[in-house]
């Protein structure tokens, strides 16, 4: 029997998210909610209740929504896992800004990595 293998695309097996317990998430961190990566803007934890589980109330803003920033709310038990996106951030320092009088707009001319 001959197996057909599609070699035009490849997958290294790396995931775009990793699991993290709800109780370890923090404000200004990130989470995946309904398939969209969100930045956590508000977070509160309730007390342990009658059934023995504390609940975490999370409010996040979708990262890739552009100007239509919608708040997304989620409630989950503190021991459940949430998806956290793999995000790399880079800080840059603005070195020089040039003002072009003919166009009356500002353009960033040079930036360098911030250390």
PDB file of N, CA and C in Angstrom:
ATOM      1  N   UNK A   1       0.834  -1.161   0.000  1.00  0.00           N
ATOM      2  CA  UNK A   1       0.000   0.000   0.000  1.00  0.00           C
ATOM      3  C   UNK A   1       0.887   1.235   0.000  1.00  0.00           C
ATOM      4  N   UNK A   2       0.586   2.209  -0.844  1.00  0.00           N
ATOM      5  CA  UNK A   2       1.368   3.429  -0.978  1.00  0.00           C
ATOM      6  C   UNK A   2       0.668   4.559  -0.223  1.00  0.00           C
ATOM      7  N   UNK A   3       1.427   5.235   0.649  1.00  0.00           N
ATOM      8  CA  UNK A   3       0.886   6.373   1.399  1.00  0.00           C
ATOM      9  C   UNK A   3       1.344   7.648   0.734  1.00  0.00           C
ATOM     10  N   UNK A   4       0.418   8.576   0.531  1.00  0.00           N
ATOM     11  CA  UNK A   4       0.771   9.872  -0.042  1.00  0.00           C
ATOM     12  C   UNK A   4       1.075  10.843   1.088  1.00  0.00           C
ATOM     13  N   UNK A   5       2.200  11.504   0.991  1.00  0.00           N
ATOM     14  CA  UNK A   5       2.610  12.456   2.004  1.00  0.00           C
ATOM     15  C   UNK A   5       2.713  13.829   1.368  1.00  0.00           C
ATOM     16  N   UNK A   6       2.075  14.810   1.982  1.00  0.00           N
ATOM     17  CA  UNK A   6       2.139  16.183   1.492  1.00  0.00           C
ATOM     18  C   UNK A   6       3.343  16.857   2.146  1.00  0.00           C
ATOM     19  N   UNK A   7       4.354  17.172   1.350  1.00  0.00           N
ATOM     20  CA  UNK A   7       5.577  17.775   1.872  1.00  0.00           C
ATOM     21  C   UNK A   7       5.629  19.279   1.622  1.00  0.00           C
ATOM     22  N   UNK A   8       4.556  19.868   1.123  1.00  0.00           N
ATOM     23  CA  UNK A   8       4.564  21.303   0.842  1.00  0.00           C
ATOM     24  C   UNK A   8       4.454  22.120   2.122  1.00  0.00           C
ATOM     25  N   UNK A   9       3.851  21.559   3.163  1.00  0.00           N
ATOM     26  CA  UNK A   9       3.773  22.259   4.440  1.00  0.00           C
ATOM     27  C   UNK A   9       4.412  21.392   5.509  1.00  0.00           C
ATOM     28  N   UNK A  10       4.918  22.021   6.516  1.00  0.00           N
ATOM     29  CA  UNK A  10       5.545  21.276   7.606  1.00  0.00           C
ATOM     30  C   UNK A  10       5.094  21.811   8.940  1.00  0.00           C
ATOM     31  N   UNK A  11       5.167  20.984   9.934  1.00  0.00           N
ATOM     32  CA  UNK A  11       4.793  21.383  11.282  1.00  0.00           C
ATOM     33  C   UNK A  11       5.847  20.838  12.230  1.00  0.00           C
ATOM     34  N   UNK A  12       6.413  21.719  13.025  1.00  0.00           N
ATOM     35  CA  UNK A  12       7.447  21.305  13.961  1.00  0.00           C
ATOM     36  C   UNK A  12       6.864  20.697  15.221  1.00  0.00           C
ATOM     37  N   UNK A  13       5.538  20.736  15.346  1.00  0.00           N
ATOM     38  CA  UNK A  13       4.908  20.195  16.538  1.00  0.00           C
ATOM     39  C   UNK A  13       4.778  21.214  17.651  1.00  0.00           C
ATOM     40  N   UNK A  14       5.231  22.445  17.411  1.00  0.00           N
ATOM     41  CA  UNK A  14       5.133  23.481  18.427  1.00  0.00           C
ATOM     42  C   UNK A  14       3.715  24.036  18.461  1.00  0.00           C
ATOM     43  N   UNK A  15       3.247  24.355  19.622  1.00  0.00           N
ATOM     44  CA  UNK A  15       1.904  24.882  19.776  1.00  0.00           C
ATOM     45  C   UNK A  15       1.969  26.398  19.886  1.00  0.00           C
ATOM     46  N   UNK A  16       0.901  27.061  19.472  1.00  0.00           N
ATOM     47  CA  UNK A  16       0.852  28.513  19.598  1.00  0.00           C
ATOM     48  C   UNK A  16       0.410  28.931  20.999  1.00  0.00           C
ATOM     49  N   UNK A  17      -0.038  27.964  21.808  1.00  0.00           N
ATOM     50  CA  UNK A  17      -0.429  28.254  23.190  1.00  0.00           C
ATOM     51  C   UNK A  17       0.156  27.205  24.135  1.00  0.00           C
ATOM     52  N   UNK A  18       0.171  27.527  25.402  1.00  0.00           N
ATOM     53  CA  UNK A  18       0.552  26.563  26.427  1.00  0.00           C
ATOM     54  C   UNK A  18      -0.422  26.708  27.593  1.00  0.00           C
ATOM     55  N   UNK A  19      -0.680  25.627  28.341  1.00  0.00           N
ATOM     56  CA  UNK A  19      -1.651  25.699  29.431  1.00  0.00           C
ATOM     57  C   UNK A  19      -1.062  26.345  30.689  1.00  0.00           C
ATOM     58  N   UNK A  20      -1.914  27.108  31.373  1.00  0.00           N
ATOM     59  CA  UNK A  20      -1.508  27.714  32.645  1.00  0.00           C
ATOM     60  C   UNK A  20      -2.740  27.737  33.553  1.00  0.00           C
ATOM     61  N   UNK A  21      -2.535  27.471  34.821  1.00  0.00           N
ATOM     62  CA  UNK A  21      -3.636  27.443  35.772  1.00  0.00           C
ATOM     63  C   UNK A  21      -4.202  28.845  35.952  1.00  0.00           C
ATOM     64  N   UNK A  22      -5.528  28.959  36.039  1.00  0.00           N
ATOM     65  CA  UNK A  22      -6.198  30.264  36.146  1.00  0.00           C
ATOM     66  C   UNK A  22      -5.693  31.087  37.327  1.00  0.00           C
ATOM     67  N   UNK A  23      -5.403  30.442  38.430  1.00  0.00           N
ATOM     68  CA  UNK A  23      -4.969  31.173  39.624  1.00  0.00           C
ATOM     69  C   UNK A  23      -3.586  31.799  39.452  1.00  0.00           C
ATOM     70  N   UNK A  24      -2.795  31.341  38.475  1.00  0.00           N
ATOM     71  CA  UNK A  24      -1.457  31.913  38.275  1.00  0.00           C
ATOM     72  C   UNK A  24      -1.447  33.021  37.223  1.00  0.00           C
ATOM     73  N   UNK A  25      -2.563  33.248  36.534  1.00  0.00           N
ATOM     74  CA  UNK A  25      -2.634  34.352  35.574  1.00  0.00           C
ATOM     75  C   UNK A  25      -2.628  35.672  36.327  1.00  0.00           C
ATOM     76  N   UNK A  26      -2.096  36.717  35.711  1.00  0.00           N
ATOM     77  CA  UNK A  26      -2.003  38.022  36.355  1.00  0.00           C
ATOM     78  C   UNK A  26      -2.510  39.122  35.425  1.00  0.00           C
ATOM     79  N   UNK A  27      -2.846  40.263  36.031  1.00  0.00           N
ATOM     80  CA  UNK A  27      -3.256  41.430  35.264  1.00  0.00           C
ATOM     81  C   UNK A  27      -2.110  41.857  34.354  1.00  0.00           C
ATOM     82  N   UNK A  28      -2.424  42.321  33.162  1.00  0.00           N
ATOM     83  CA  UNK A  28      -1.512  42.704  32.073  1.00  0.00           C
ATOM     84  C   UNK A  28      -0.798  41.498  31.475  1.00  0.00           C
ATOM     85  N   UNK A  29      -1.259  40.292  31.823  1.00  0.00           N
ATOM     86  CA  UNK A  29      -0.776  39.076  31.183  1.00  0.00           C
ATOM     87  C   UNK A  29      -1.654  38.761  29.976  1.00  0.00           C
ATOM     88  N   UNK A  30      -1.510  37.585  29.421  1.00  0.00           N
ATOM     89  CA  UNK A  30      -2.262  37.210  28.235  1.00  0.00           C
ATOM     90  C   UNK A  30      -2.977  35.885  28.449  1.00  0.00           C
ATOM     91  N   UNK A  31      -4.091  35.689  27.729  1.00  0.00           N
ATOM     92  CA  UNK A  31      -4.842  34.442  27.750  1.00  0.00           C
ATOM     93  C   UNK A  31      -5.533  34.274  26.403  1.00  0.00           C
ATOM     94  N   UNK A  32      -5.971  33.067  26.105  1.00  0.00           N
ATOM     95  CA  UNK A  32      -6.752  32.816  24.900  1.00  0.00           C
ATOM     96  C   UNK A  32      -8.187  32.600  25.331  1.00  0.00           C
ATOM     97  N   UNK A  33      -9.092  33.403  24.768  1.00  0.00           N
ATOM     98  CA  UNK A  33     -10.502  33.308  25.112  1.00  0.00           C
ATOM     99  C   UNK A  33     -11.308  33.225  23.831  1.00  0.00           C
ATOM    100  N   UNK A  34     -12.038  32.136  23.679  1.00  0.00           N
ATOM    101  CA  UNK A  34     -12.844  31.871  22.481  1.00  0.00           C
ATOM    102  C   UNK A  34     -12.013  31.962  21.207  1.00  0.00           C
ATOM    103  N   UNK A  35     -10.810  31.436  21.272  1.00  0.00           N
ATOM    104  CA  UNK A  35      -9.950  31.361  20.105  1.00  0.00           C
ATOM    105  C   UNK A  35      -9.186  32.627  19.773  1.00  0.00           C
ATOM    106  N   UNK A  36      -9.328  33.697  20.565  1.00  0.00           N
ATOM    107  CA  UNK A  36      -8.620  34.938  20.305  1.00  0.00           C
ATOM    108  C   UNK A  36      -7.681  35.257  21.471  1.00  0.00           C
ATOM    109  N   UNK A  37      -6.441  35.666  21.164  1.00  0.00           N
ATOM    110  CA  UNK A  37      -5.536  36.075  22.244  1.00  0.00           C
ATOM    111  C   UNK A  37      -5.991  37.405  22.834  1.00  0.00           C
ATOM    112  N   UNK A  38      -6.010  37.482  24.152  1.00  0.00           N
ATOM    113  CA  UNK A  38      -6.484  38.673  24.858  1.00  0.00           C
ATOM    114  C   UNK A  38      -5.470  39.089  25.913  1.00  0.00           C
ATOM    115  N   UNK A  39      -5.421  40.397  26.179  1.00  0.00           N
ATOM    116  CA  UNK A  39      -4.611  40.923  27.269  1.00  0.00           C
ATOM    117  C   UNK A  39      -5.531  41.099  28.464  1.00  0.00           C
ATOM    118  N   UNK A  40      -5.124  40.607  29.627  1.00  0.00           N
ATOM    119  CA  UNK A  40      -5.948  40.666  30.829  1.00  0.00           C
ATOM    120  C   UNK A  40      -5.886  42.084  31.400  1.00  0.00           C
ATOM    121  N   UNK A  41      -7.050  42.747  31.506  1.00  0.00           N
ATOM    122  CA  UNK A  41      -7.096  44.107  32.033  1.00  0.00           C
ATOM    123  C   UNK A  41      -7.674  44.163  33.445  1.00  0.00           C
ATOM    124  N   UNK A  42      -8.451  43.139  33.823  1.00  0.00           N
ATOM    125  CA  UNK A  42      -9.030  43.108  35.156  1.00  0.00           C
ATOM    126  C   UNK A  42      -9.145  41.657  35.594  1.00  0.00           C
ATOM    127  N   UNK A  43      -8.857  41.424  36.855  1.00  0.00           N
ATOM    128  CA  UNK A  43      -8.896  40.061  37.368  1.00  0.00           C
ATOM    129  C   UNK A  43      -9.270  40.093  38.840  1.00  0.00           C
ATOM    130  N   UNK A  44     -10.179  39.206  39.231  1.00  0.00           N
ATOM    131  CA  UNK A  44     -10.535  39.101  40.646  1.00  0.00           C
ATOM    132  C   UNK A  44     -10.787  37.640  40.969  1.00  0.00           C
ATOM    133  N   UNK A  45     -10.526  37.279  42.207  1.00  0.00           N
ATOM    134  CA  UNK A  45     -10.700  35.904  42.661  1.00  0.00           C
ATOM    135  C   UNK A  45     -11.700  35.892  43.807  1.00  0.00           C
ATOM    136  N   UNK A  46     -12.677  34.987  43.718  1.00  0.00           N
ATOM    137  CA  UNK A  46     -13.660  34.857  44.791  1.00  0.00           C
ATOM    138  C   UNK A  46     -13.143  33.883  45.845  1.00  0.00           C
ATOM    139  N   UNK A  47     -13.781  33.886  46.979  1.00  0.00           N
ATOM    140  CA  UNK A  47     -13.384  32.977  48.058  1.00  0.00           C
ATOM    141  C   UNK A  47     -13.801  31.550  47.728  1.00  0.00           C
ATOM    142  N   UNK A  48     -13.175  30.619  48.405  1.00  0.00           N
ATOM    143  CA  UNK A  48     -13.554  29.222  48.263  1.00  0.00           C
ATOM    144  C   UNK A  48     -14.980  29.071  48.770  1.00  0.00           C
ATOM    145  N   UNK A  49     -15.825  28.443  47.966  1.00  0.00           N
ATOM    146  CA  UNK A  49     -17.240  28.339  48.302  1.00  0.00           C
ATOM    147  C   UNK A  49     -17.610  27.024  48.942  1.00  0.00           C
ATOM    148  N   UNK A  50     -18.893  26.742  48.920  1.00  0.00           N
ATOM    149  CA  UNK A  50     -19.455  25.553  49.537  1.00  0.00           C
ATOM    150  C   UNK A  50     -18.925  24.277  48.883  1.00  0.00           C
ATOM    151  N   UNK A  51     -18.662  24.344  47.582  1.00  0.00           N
ATOM    152  CA  UNK A  51     -18.185  23.172  46.854  1.00  0.00           C
ATOM    153  C   UNK A  51     -16.663  23.106  46.757  1.00  0.00           C
ATOM    154  N   UNK A  52     -15.961  23.995  47.425  1.00  0.00           N
ATOM    155  CA  UNK A  52     -14.522  23.897  47.553  1.00  0.00           C
ATOM    156  C   UNK A  52     -13.689  24.463  46.426  1.00  0.00           C
ATOM    157  N   UNK A  53     -14.257  25.210  45.516  1.00  0.00           N
ATOM    158  CA  UNK A  53     -13.476  25.771  44.411  1.00  0.00           C
ATOM    159  C   UNK A  53     -13.619  27.290  44.380  1.00  0.00           C
ATOM    160  N   UNK A  54     -12.503  27.990  44.355  1.00  0.00           N
ATOM    161  CA  UNK A  54     -12.530  29.430  44.165  1.00  0.00           C
ATOM    162  C   UNK A  54     -12.693  29.699  42.671  1.00  0.00           C
ATOM    163  N   UNK A  55     -13.340  30.806  42.341  1.00  0.00           N
ATOM    164  CA  UNK A  55     -13.547  31.164  40.942  1.00  0.00           C
ATOM    165  C   UNK A  55     -12.742  32.415  40.606  1.00  0.00           C
ATOM    166  N   UNK A  56     -12.225  32.456  39.378  1.00  0.00           N
ATOM    167  CA  UNK A  56     -11.455  33.596  38.900  1.00  0.00           C
ATOM    168  C   UNK A  56     -12.278  34.302  37.836  1.00  0.00           C
ATOM    169  N   UNK A  57     -12.496  35.606  38.013  1.00  0.00           N
ATOM    170  CA  UNK A  57     -13.212  36.425  37.049  1.00  0.00           C
ATOM    171  C   UNK A  57     -12.171  37.180  36.226  1.00  0.00           C
ATOM    172  N   UNK A  58     -12.137  36.943  34.916  1.00  0.00           N
ATOM    173  CA  UNK A  58     -11.141  37.561  34.039  1.00  0.00           C
ATOM    174  C   UNK A  58     -11.831  38.458  33.027  1.00  0.00           C
ATOM    175  N   UNK A  59     -11.275  39.642  32.794  1.00  0.00           N
ATOM    176  CA  UNK A  59     -11.742  40.543  31.745  1.00  0.00           C
ATOM    177  C   UNK A  59     -10.536  40.845  30.880  1.00  0.00           C
ATOM    178  N   UNK A  60     -10.678  40.587  29.572  1.00  0.00           N
ATOM    179  CA  UNK A  60      -9.566  40.802  28.655  1.00  0.00           C
ATOM    180  C   UNK A  60      -9.984  41.572  27.423  1.00  0.00           C
ATOM    181  N   UNK A  61      -9.027  42.189  26.753  1.00  0.00           N
ATOM    182  CA  UNK A  61      -9.257  42.904  25.501  1.00  0.00           C
ATOM    183  C   UNK A  61      -8.516  42.152  24.406  1.00  0.00           C
ATOM    184  N   UNK A  62      -9.225  41.863  23.314  1.00  0.00           N
ATOM    185  CA  UNK A  62      -8.623  41.134  22.193  1.00  0.00           C
ATOM    186  C   UNK A  62      -7.460  41.937  21.618  1.00  0.00           C
ATOM    187  N   UNK A  63      -6.355  41.261  21.338  1.00  0.00           N
ATOM    188  CA  UNK A  63      -5.144  41.928  20.861  1.00  0.00           C
ATOM    189  C   UNK A  63      -5.278  42.368  19.410  1.00  0.00           C
ATOM    190  N   UNK A  64      -5.830  41.516  18.547  1.00  0.00           N
ATOM    191  CA  UNK A  64      -5.823  41.771  17.111  1.00  0.00           C
ATOM    192  C   UNK A  64      -7.140  42.328  16.588  1.00  0.00           C
ATOM    193  N   UNK A  65      -7.865  43.089  17.369  1.00  0.00           N
ATOM    194  CA  UNK A  65      -9.147  43.622  16.921  1.00  0.00           C
ATOM    195  C   UNK A  65      -9.027  45.017  16.313  1.00  0.00           C
ATOM    196  N   UNK A  66      -7.853  45.621  16.318  1.00  0.00           N
ATOM    197  CA  UNK A  66      -7.690  46.960  15.756  1.00  0.00           C
ATOM    198  C   UNK A  66      -8.378  47.995  16.635  1.00  0.00           C
ATOM    199  N   UNK A  67      -9.152  48.882  15.995  1.00  0.00           N
ATOM    200  CA  UNK A  67      -9.836  49.935  16.730  1.00  0.00           C
ATOM    201  C   UNK A  67     -11.094  49.427  17.429  1.00  0.00           C
ATOM    202  N   UNK A  68     -11.580  48.261  17.028  1.00  0.00           N
ATOM    203  CA  UNK A  68     -12.778  47.688  17.638  1.00  0.00           C
ATOM    204  C   UNK A  68     -12.390  46.836  18.844  1.00  0.00           C
ATOM    205  N   UNK A  69     -11.876  47.461  19.877  1.00  0.00           N
ATOM    206  CA  UNK A  69     -11.423  46.734  21.057  1.00  0.00           C
ATOM    207  C   UNK A  69     -12.635  46.350  21.889  1.00  0.00           C
ATOM    208  N   UNK A  70     -12.938  45.062  21.936  1.00  0.00           N
ATOM    209  CA  UNK A  70     -14.069  44.578  22.713  1.00  0.00           C
ATOM    210  C   UNK A  70     -13.558  43.864  23.950  1.00  0.00           C
ATOM    211  N   UNK A  71     -14.225  44.125  25.065  1.00  0.00           N
ATOM    212  CA  UNK A  71     -13.869  43.438  26.300  1.00  0.00           C
ATOM    213  C   UNK A  71     -14.528  42.070  26.300  1.00  0.00           C
ATOM    214  N   UNK A  72     -13.772  41.074  26.694  1.00  0.00           N
ATOM    215  CA  UNK A  72     -14.275  39.714  26.785  1.00  0.00           C
ATOM    216  C   UNK A  72     -14.169  39.276  28.233  1.00  0.00           C
ATOM    217  N   UNK A  73     -15.246  38.689  28.747  1.00  0.00           N
ATOM    218  CA  UNK A  73     -15.295  38.271  30.147  1.00  0.00           C
ATOM    219  C   UNK A  73     -15.335  36.755  30.230  1.00  0.00           C
ATOM    220  N   UNK A  74     -14.682  36.221  31.257  1.00  0.00           N
ATOM    221  CA  UNK A  74     -14.658  34.784  31.459  1.00  0.00           C
ATOM    222  C   UNK A  74     -14.615  34.498  32.959  1.00  0.00           C
ATOM    223  N   UNK A  75     -15.285  33.449  33.361  1.00  0.00           N
ATOM    224  CA  UNK A  75     -15.257  32.973  34.743  1.00  0.00           C
ATOM    225  C   UNK A  75     -14.846  31.509  34.701  1.00  0.00           C
ATOM    226  N   UNK A  76     -13.814  31.160  35.455  1.00  0.00           N
ATOM    227  CA  UNK A  76     -13.383  29.765  35.472  1.00  0.00           C
ATOM    228  C   UNK A  76     -12.902  29.405  36.878  1.00  0.00           C
ATOM    229  N   UNK A  77     -12.987  28.133  37.252  1.00  0.00           N
ATOM    230  CA  UNK A  77     -12.429  27.706  38.542  1.00  0.00           C
ATOM    231  C   UNK A  77     -10.917  27.935  38.565  1.00  0.00           C
ATOM    232  N   UNK A  78     -10.400  28.250  39.739  1.00  0.00           N
ATOM    233  CA  UNK A  78      -8.988  28.616  39.842  1.00  0.00           C
ATOM    234  C   UNK A  78      -8.040  27.470  39.522  1.00  0.00           C
ATOM    235  N   UNK A  79      -8.503  26.230  39.589  1.00  0.00           N
ATOM    236  CA  UNK A  79      -7.623  25.099  39.324  1.00  0.00           C
ATOM    237  C   UNK A  79      -7.678  24.633  37.870  1.00  0.00           C
ATOM    238  N   UNK A  80      -8.565  25.202  37.063  1.00  0.00           N
ATOM    239  CA  UNK A  80      -8.641  24.819  35.654  1.00  0.00           C
ATOM    240  C   UNK A  80      -7.532  25.485  34.845  1.00  0.00           C
ATOM    241  N   UNK A  81      -7.182  24.869  33.716  1.00  0.00           N
ATOM    242  CA  UNK A  81      -6.140  25.414  32.852  1.00  0.00           C
ATOM    243  C   UNK A  81      -6.743  26.292  31.764  1.00  0.00           C
ATOM    244  N   UNK A  82      -6.058  27.384  31.460  1.00  0.00           N
ATOM    245  CA  UNK A  82      -6.430  28.281  30.359  1.00  0.00           C
ATOM    246  C   UNK A  82      -5.281  28.270  29.365  1.00  0.00           C
ATOM    247  N   UNK A  83      -5.579  28.515  28.113  1.00  0.00           N
ATOM    248  CA  UNK A  83      -4.542  28.635  27.104  1.00  0.00           C
ATOM    249  C   UNK A  83      -3.897  30.004  27.175  1.00  0.00           C
ATOM    250  N   UNK A  84      -2.581  30.035  27.116  1.00  0.00           N
ATOM    251  CA  UNK A  84      -1.821  31.284  27.122  1.00  0.00           C
ATOM    252  C   UNK A  84      -1.021  31.326  25.832  1.00  0.00           C
ATOM    253  N   UNK A  85      -1.170  32.390  25.023  1.00  0.00           N
ATOM    254  CA  UNK A  85      -0.446  32.441  23.750  1.00  0.00           C
ATOM    255  C   UNK A  85       1.051  32.656  23.957  1.00  0.00           C
ATOM    256  N   UNK A  86       1.849  32.071  23.056  1.00  0.00           N
ATOM    257  CA  UNK A  86       3.295  32.314  23.068  1.00  0.00           C
ATOM    258  C   UNK A  86       3.531  33.671  22.425  1.00  0.00           C
ATOM    259  N   UNK A  87       3.921  34.653  23.223  1.00  0.00           N
ATOM    260  CA  UNK A  87       4.104  36.022  22.737  1.00  0.00           C
ATOM    261  C   UNK A  87       5.514  36.457  23.047  1.00  0.00           C
ATOM    262  N   UNK A  88       6.165  37.020  22.038  1.00  0.00           N
ATOM    263  CA  UNK A  88       7.488  37.604  22.235  1.00  0.00           C
ATOM    264  C   UNK A  88       7.357  39.111  22.077  1.00  0.00           C
ATOM    265  N   UNK A  89       7.853  39.847  23.047  1.00  0.00           N
ATOM    266  CA  UNK A  89       7.809  41.300  22.964  1.00  0.00           C
ATOM    267  C   UNK A  89       9.223  41.833  22.807  1.00  0.00           C
ATOM    268  N   UNK A  90       9.355  42.884  22.042  1.00  0.00           N
ATOM    269  CA  UNK A  90      10.634  43.543  21.824  1.00  0.00           C
ATOM    270  C   UNK A  90      10.444  45.028  22.112  1.00  0.00           C
ATOM    271  N   UNK A  91      11.329  45.609  22.910  1.00  0.00           N
ATOM    272  CA  UNK A  91      11.284  47.034  23.211  1.00  0.00           C
ATOM    273  C   UNK A  91      12.313  47.745  22.351  1.00  0.00           C
ATOM    274  N   UNK A  92      11.910  48.877  21.800  1.00  0.00           N
ATOM    275  CA  UNK A  92      12.805  49.682  20.982  1.00  0.00           C
ATOM    276  C   UNK A  92      12.839  51.094  21.527  1.00  0.00           C
ATOM    277  N   UNK A  93      13.985  51.737  21.338  1.00  0.00           N
ATOM    278  CA  UNK A  93      14.162  53.108  21.781  1.00  0.00           C
ATOM    279  C   UNK A  93      14.187  53.997  20.549  1.00  0.00           C
ATOM    280  N   UNK A  94      13.386  55.050  20.545  1.00  0.00           N
ATOM    281  CA  UNK A  94      13.342  55.985  19.430  1.00  0.00           C
ATOM    282  C   UNK A  94      14.541  56.914  19.546  1.00  0.00           C
ATOM    283  N   UNK A  95      15.355  56.968  18.490  1.00  0.00           N
ATOM    284  CA  UNK A  95      16.578  57.764  18.526  1.00  0.00           C
ATOM    285  C   UNK A  95      16.392  59.126  17.876  1.00  0.00           C
ATOM    286  N   UNK A  96      15.703  59.144  16.739  1.00  0.00           N
ATOM    287  CA  UNK A  96      15.623  60.384  15.979  1.00  0.00           C
ATOM    288  C   UNK A  96      14.270  60.478  15.289  1.00  0.00           C
ATOM    289  N   UNK A  97      13.673  61.680  15.336  1.00  0.00           N
ATOM    290  CA  UNK A  97      12.427  61.934  14.613  1.00  0.00           C
ATOM    291  C   UNK A  97      12.676  63.119  13.706  1.00  0.00           C
ATOM    292  N   UNK A  98      12.338  62.957  12.452  1.00  0.00           N
ATOM    293  CA  UNK A  98      12.539  64.023  11.483  1.00  0.00           C
ATOM    294  C   UNK A  98      11.184  64.579  11.077  1.00  0.00           C
ATOM    295  N   UNK A  99      11.073  65.911  11.011  1.00  0.00           N
ATOM    296  CA  UNK A  99       9.833  66.554  10.593  1.00  0.00           C
ATOM    297  C   UNK A  99      10.029  67.074   9.182  1.00  0.00           C
ATOM    298  N   UNK A 100       9.178  66.600   8.294  1.00  0.00           N
ATOM    299  CA  UNK A 100       9.245  67.055   6.898  1.00  0.00           C
ATOM    300  C   UNK A 100       8.224  68.167   6.723  1.00  0.00           C
ATOM    301  N   UNK A 101       8.692  69.378   6.429  1.00  0.00           N
ATOM    302  CA  UNK A 101       7.811  70.544   6.362  1.00  0.00           C
ATOM    303  C   UNK A 101       6.852  70.485   5.179  1.00  0.00           C
ATOM    304  N   UNK A 102       7.276  69.933   4.061  1.00  0.00           N
ATOM    305  CA  UNK A 102       6.428  69.917   2.872  1.00  0.00           C
ATOM    306  C   UNK A 102       5.181  69.070   3.096  1.00  0.00           C
ATOM    307  N   UNK A 103       5.317  68.002   3.824  1.00  0.00           N
ATOM    308  CA  UNK A 103       4.179  67.118   4.050  1.00  0.00           C
ATOM    309  C   UNK A 103       3.534  67.358   5.412  1.00  0.00           C
ATOM    310  N   UNK A 104       4.202  68.050   6.268  1.00  0.00           N
ATOM    311  CA  UNK A 104       3.779  68.330   7.638  1.00  0.00           C
ATOM    312  C   UNK A 104       3.403  67.056   8.390  1.00  0.00           C
ATOM    313  N   UNK A 105       4.208  66.016   8.210  1.00  0.00           N
ATOM    314  CA  UNK A 105       4.029  64.773   8.948  1.00  0.00           C
ATOM    315  C   UNK A 105       5.357  64.374   9.564  1.00  0.00           C
ATOM    316  N   UNK A 106       5.284  63.637  10.670  1.00  0.00           N
ATOM    317  CA  UNK A 106       6.487  63.180  11.340  1.00  0.00           C
ATOM    318  C   UNK A 106       6.783  61.741  10.930  1.00  0.00           C
ATOM    319  N   UNK A 107       8.047  61.445  10.728  1.00  0.00           N
ATOM    320  CA  UNK A 107       8.479  60.095  10.386  1.00  0.00           C
ATOM    321  C   UNK A 107       9.595  59.679  11.325  1.00  0.00           C
ATOM    322  N   UNK A 108       9.505  58.465  11.836  1.00  0.00           N
ATOM    323  CA  UNK A 108      10.580  57.930  12.657  1.00  0.00           C
ATOM    324  C   UNK A 108      11.709  57.507  11.733  1.00  0.00           C
ATOM    325  N   UNK A 109      12.897  58.034  11.966  1.00  0.00           N
ATOM    326  CA  UNK A 109      14.021  57.760  11.083  1.00  0.00           C
ATOM    327  C   UNK A 109      14.869  56.613  11.591  1.00  0.00           C
ATOM    328  N   UNK A 110      15.127  56.553  12.878  1.00  0.00           N
ATOM    329  CA  UNK A 110      16.029  55.526  13.392  1.00  0.00           C
ATOM    330  C   UNK A 110      15.514  55.008  14.729  1.00  0.00           C
ATOM    331  N   UNK A 111      15.577  53.686  14.883  1.00  0.00           N
ATOM    332  CA  UNK A 111      15.249  53.057  16.152  1.00  0.00           C
ATOM    333  C   UNK A 111      16.318  52.022  16.462  1.00  0.00           C
ATOM    334  N   UNK A 112      16.500  51.730  17.714  1.00  0.00           N
ATOM    335  CA  UNK A 112      17.432  50.693  18.113  1.00  0.00           C
ATOM    336  C   UNK A 112      16.821  49.868  19.239  1.00  0.00           C
ATOM    337  N   UNK A 113      17.225  48.606  19.399  1.00  0.00           N
ATOM    338  CA  UNK A 113      16.684  47.781  20.486  1.00  0.00           C
ATOM    339  C   UNK A 113      17.006  48.405  21.845  1.00  0.00           C
ATOM    340  N   UNK A 114      16.025  48.377  22.733  1.00  0.00           N
ATOM    341  CA  UNK A 114      16.175  48.934  24.072  1.00  0.00           C
ATOM    342  C   UNK A 114      16.731  47.854  24.980  1.00  0.00           C
ATOM    343  N   UNK A 115      17.762  48.181  25.756  1.00  0.00           N
ATOM    344  CA  UNK A 115      18.386  47.207  26.659  1.00  0.00           C
ATOM    345  C   UNK A 115      18.200  47.597  28.085  1.00  0.00           C
TER     346      UNK A 115
END
